[in-house]
Amino acid sequence: MHIDEWLQAVPPGWLYVAVALVIGFESLGIPLPGEIVLVSAAILSAKGVVSPVWVGVCASAGAIVGDSAGYAIGRKGGRPLFTRLGRRFPKHFGDAHVAKAEAYFQRFGMWAVFVGRFIALLRILAGPLAGALRMPYWKFVVANVLGGIVWAGGTTAVVFYLGLVAEKWLKGFSWVGLVVAVLFGIATTLYLKRRAALALDERDLEGVVRGPVDV
């Protein structure tokens, strides 16, 4: 069962909780498909299954709370935390991934937390790594709150409105496509009939010029 099918089977109230929890745990540092769940929920909101406002609110809350918890864990565990995580989850917390994420933090500072919300690797590492690197908490909070709201709310809004436009376009396309298909079929039939008639005329003309064929 795909994620969107699973979400459709969940009652709306629990769907909001599921969105908040999945994104929250992902932001905490647990590799989960937070972005896929968010986009799927936003698509369902475009279909009228859930409210886009509540999807955005719950996703933002999950992102902010999860990142904050990740910051606290990273601050307490320090760099040894990533060594242990790297042994368990080398695909996400391997030395190369952590080094790359740390380079972002050293270069961009608090902006790495904000921008990291939009990048799969940093979305998992941002909170714990900010804490392990002892980023000042006020800087982390500002970047975390802004990043969580812009990413979660912005993604929900964009997918929601694109879904509405796509749905209207597809409804119109069902009629337009039918008309185009019919016209195309008629045009193709007429073209083939004309080509066949021309071919017959050319054969008749050749027969007249050459005369009767001897058997």
Protein backbone atom coordinates (compact mmCIF):
# COMPACT_ATOMS: atom_id res chain seq x y z
CA MET A 1 0.00 0.00 0.00
CA HIS A 2 1.37 3.41 -0.99
CA ILE A 3 1.61 6.25 1.54
CA ASP A 4 -1.22 8.21 -0.07
CA GLU A 5 -3.47 5.12 0.02
CA TRP A 6 -2.58 4.58 3.66
CA LEU A 7 -3.33 8.20 4.50
CA GLN A 8 -6.70 8.02 2.76
CA ALA A 9 -7.62 5.09 5.01
CA VAL A 10 -6.87 7.14 8.13
CA PRO A 11 -9.67 9.32 9.62
CA PRO A 12 -8.97 13.08 9.11
CA GLY A 13 -8.27 13.73 12.79
CA TRP A 14 -5.71 10.97 13.01
CA LEU A 15 -4.24 11.99 9.66
CA TYR A 16 -3.27 15.36 11.14
CA VAL A 17 -1.65 13.52 14.05
CA ALA A 18 0.16 11.19 11.65
CA VAL A 19 1.54 14.14 9.65
CA ALA A 20 2.77 15.86 12.83
CA LEU A 21 4.34 12.68 14.23
CA VAL A 22 6.10 11.53 11.06
CA ILE A 23 7.55 14.98 10.38
CA GLY A 24 8.37 15.44 14.06
CA PHE A 25 10.28 12.17 14.34
CA GLU A 26 12.07 12.88 11.07
CA SER A 27 13.14 16.28 12.39
CA LEU A 28 14.22 14.57 15.59
CA GLY A 29 16.77 12.60 13.58
CA ILE A 30 14.88 9.42 12.71
CA PRO A 31 14.96 8.65 8.95
CA LEU A 32 11.29 8.81 7.94
CA PRO A 33 9.56 10.01 4.73
CA GLY A 34 8.32 13.28 6.19
CA GLU A 35 8.24 15.19 2.92
CA ILE A 36 6.36 12.41 1.13
CA VAL A 37 3.75 12.31 3.91
CA LEU A 38 3.39 16.10 3.79
CA VAL A 39 2.93 16.21 0.02
CA SER A 40 0.47 13.28 0.11
CA ALA A 41 -1.57 14.98 2.83
CA ALA A 42 -1.55 18.25 0.87
CA ILE A 43 -2.82 16.41 -2.22
CA LEU A 44 -5.64 14.95 -0.12
CA SER A 45 -6.47 18.46 1.06
CA ALA A 46 -6.84 19.54 -2.58
CA LYS A 47 -9.33 16.69 -2.97
CA GLY A 48 -11.31 17.95 0.03
CA VAL A 49 -10.45 14.99 2.28
CA VAL A 50 -8.73 17.15 4.91
CA SER A 51 -8.19 20.85 5.60
CA PRO A 52 -5.04 22.37 4.06
CA VAL A 53 -4.82 24.80 6.98
CA TRP A 54 -4.65 22.02 9.55
CA VAL A 55 -2.22 20.03 7.43
CA GLY A 56 0.09 23.06 7.34
CA VAL A 57 -0.34 23.78 11.06
CA CYS A 58 0.30 20.19 12.15
CA ALA A 59 3.25 19.81 9.79
CA SER A 60 4.78 23.08 11.04
CA ALA A 61 4.26 22.09 14.67
CA GLY A 62 5.81 18.66 14.08
CA ALA A 63 8.81 20.20 12.32
CA ILE A 64 9.44 22.80 15.03
CA VAL A 65 8.96 20.48 18.01
CA GLY A 66 10.93 17.66 16.39
CA ASP A 67 13.87 19.90 15.55
CA SER A 68 13.85 21.35 19.08
CA ALA A 69 13.94 17.87 20.60
CA GLY A 70 16.73 16.94 18.20
CA TYR A 71 18.69 20.03 19.28
CA ALA A 72 18.36 19.03 22.95
CA ILE A 73 19.48 15.47 22.23
CA GLY A 74 22.41 16.66 20.12
CA ARG A 75 23.51 19.15 22.76
CA LYS A 76 23.49 16.46 25.42
CA GLY A 77 25.02 13.68 23.33
CA GLY A 78 27.60 15.75 21.46
CA ARG A 79 29.69 14.35 18.64
CA PRO A 80 29.85 10.81 20.14
CA LEU A 81 26.11 10.63 19.43
CA PHE A 82 26.75 10.76 15.69
CA THR A 83 29.43 8.11 15.96
CA ARG A 84 26.91 5.73 17.51
CA LEU A 85 24.21 6.67 15.03
CA GLY A 86 26.66 6.23 12.15
CA ARG A 87 27.22 2.61 13.15
CA ARG A 88 23.47 1.93 13.22
CA PHE A 89 22.38 4.07 10.27
CA PRO A 90 25.43 4.47 7.98
CA LYS A 91 23.21 5.48 5.06
CA HIS A 92 21.98 8.59 6.90
CA PHE A 93 24.53 9.25 9.65
CA GLY A 94 27.74 8.02 8.04
CA ASP A 95 30.93 10.03 8.46
CA ALA A 96 30.65 11.50 4.95
CA HIS A 97 27.07 12.68 5.51
CA VAL A 98 27.80 14.20 8.90
CA ALA A 99 30.95 15.91 7.59
CA LYS A 100 29.00 17.39 4.69
CA ALA A 101 26.25 18.64 7.00
CA GLU A 102 28.80 20.08 9.42
CA ALA A 103 30.46 21.95 6.55
CA TYR A 104 27.08 23.57 5.79
CA PHE A 105 26.76 24.66 9.42
CA GLN A 106 30.26 26.10 9.56
CA ARG A 107 29.66 28.04 6.35
CA PHE A 108 26.09 29.26 6.82
CA GLY A 109 25.51 29.14 10.58
CA MET A 110 21.85 29.51 11.56
CA TRP A 111 20.85 29.66 7.90
CA ALA A 112 21.85 26.02 7.63
CA VAL A 113 18.95 25.19 9.97
CA PHE A 114 16.53 27.24 7.88
CA VAL A 115 17.72 25.98 4.49
CA GLY A 116 18.21 22.48 5.87
CA ARG A 117 14.47 22.15 6.21
CA PHE A 118 14.30 21.95 2.40
CA ILE A 119 17.13 19.40 2.00
CA ALA A 120 16.55 15.73 2.83
CA LEU A 121 19.93 15.14 4.48
CA LEU A 122 19.94 18.31 6.56
CA ARG A 123 16.28 17.90 7.52
CA ILE A 124 17.30 14.83 9.55
CA LEU A 125 20.61 16.19 10.85
CA ALA A 126 19.86 19.89 11.41
CA GLY A 127 18.45 19.71 14.94
CA PRO A 128 20.85 17.19 16.50
CA LEU A 129 23.87 18.66 14.72
CA ALA A 130 23.01 22.23 15.77
CA GLY A 131 22.89 21.04 19.37
CA ALA A 132 26.11 19.01 19.10
CA LEU A 133 27.93 22.04 17.61
CA ARG A 134 26.61 24.22 20.44
CA MET A 135 24.79 26.69 18.20
CA PRO A 136 23.34 29.49 20.39
CA TYR A 137 19.79 28.45 21.24
CA TRP A 138 18.16 31.74 20.25
CA LYS A 139 19.66 31.50 16.76
CA PHE A 140 18.48 27.93 16.47
CA VAL A 141 14.94 28.81 17.59
CA VAL A 142 14.60 31.66 15.08
CA ALA A 143 15.86 29.54 12.17
CA ASN A 144 13.90 26.49 13.31
CA VAL A 145 10.54 28.27 13.64
CA LEU A 146 10.89 30.21 10.39
CA GLY A 147 12.16 27.20 8.47
CA GLY A 148 9.44 24.92 9.82
CA ILE A 149 6.63 27.32 8.95
CA VAL A 150 7.95 28.26 5.51
CA TRP A 151 8.70 24.65 4.53
CA ALA A 152 5.59 22.97 5.92
CA GLY A 153 3.13 25.79 5.26
CA GLY A 154 4.64 26.70 1.91
CA THR A 155 4.73 23.12 0.65
CA THR A 156 1.14 22.54 1.72
CA ALA A 157 -0.06 25.74 0.04
CA VAL A 158 1.79 25.10 -3.22
CA VAL A 159 0.66 21.48 -3.52
CA PHE A 160 -2.90 22.41 -2.52
CA TYR A 161 -3.28 25.11 -5.17
CA LEU A 162 -1.50 23.06 -7.82
CA GLY A 163 -3.88 20.22 -7.02
CA LEU A 164 -6.90 22.48 -7.48
CA VAL A 165 -5.57 23.80 -10.78
CA ALA A 166 -4.69 20.30 -11.98
CA GLU A 167 -8.13 18.99 -11.04
CA LYS A 168 -9.90 21.79 -12.93
CA TRP A 169 -7.59 21.33 -15.90
CA LEU A 170 -8.14 17.59 -15.97
CA LYS A 171 -11.91 18.05 -15.80
CA GLY A 172 -11.72 20.41 -18.76
CA PHE A 173 -9.27 18.13 -20.51
CA SER A 174 -11.74 15.25 -20.42
CA TRP A 175 -13.98 17.22 -22.83
CA VAL A 176 -11.16 18.85 -24.75
CA GLY A 177 -9.37 15.54 -25.09
CA LEU A 178 -12.53 13.88 -26.41
CA VAL A 179 -13.06 16.60 -29.02
CA VAL A 180 -9.40 16.52 -30.06
CA ALA A 181 -9.45 12.73 -30.29
CA VAL A 182 -12.59 12.77 -32.46
CA LEU A 183 -11.21 15.49 -34.76
CA PHE A 184 -7.89 13.69 -34.99
CA GLY A 185 -9.66 10.46 -35.89
CA ILE A 186 -11.76 12.16 -38.57
CA ALA A 187 -8.75 13.96 -40.02
CA THR A 188 -6.69 10.75 -40.06
CA THR A 189 -9.51 8.83 -41.78
CA LEU A 190 -9.97 11.53 -44.44
CA TYR A 191 -6.22 11.70 -45.02
CA LEU A 192 -5.91 7.95 -45.46
CA LYS A 193 -8.94 7.83 -47.76
CA ARG A 194 -7.47 10.63 -49.89
CA ARG A 195 -4.07 8.91 -50.05
CA ALA A 196 -5.77 5.65 -51.11
CA ALA A 197 -7.81 7.45 -53.79
CA LEU A 198 -4.68 9.16 -55.16
CA ALA A 199 -2.87 5.83 -55.24
CA LEU A 200 -5.71 4.25 -57.23
CA ASP A 201 -5.80 7.19 -59.64
CA GLU A 202 -2.04 6.88 -60.20
CA ARG A 203 -2.38 3.14 -60.93
CA ASP A 204 -5.24 3.77 -63.38
CA LEU A 205 -3.19 6.47 -65.10
CA GLU A 206 -0.20 4.15 -65.44
CA GLY A 207 -2.50 1.48 -66.92
CA VAL A 208 -3.77 3.88 -69.56
CA VAL A 209 -0.27 5.06 -70.49
CA ARG A 210 1.22 1.55 -70.69
CA GLY A 211 -1.82 -0.07 -72.24
CA PRO A 212 -3.24 -3.47 -71.35
CA VAL A 213 -0.93 -5.87 -69.66
CA ASP A 214 -0.24 -9.11 -71.55
CA VAL A 215 -0.94 -12.25 -69.64
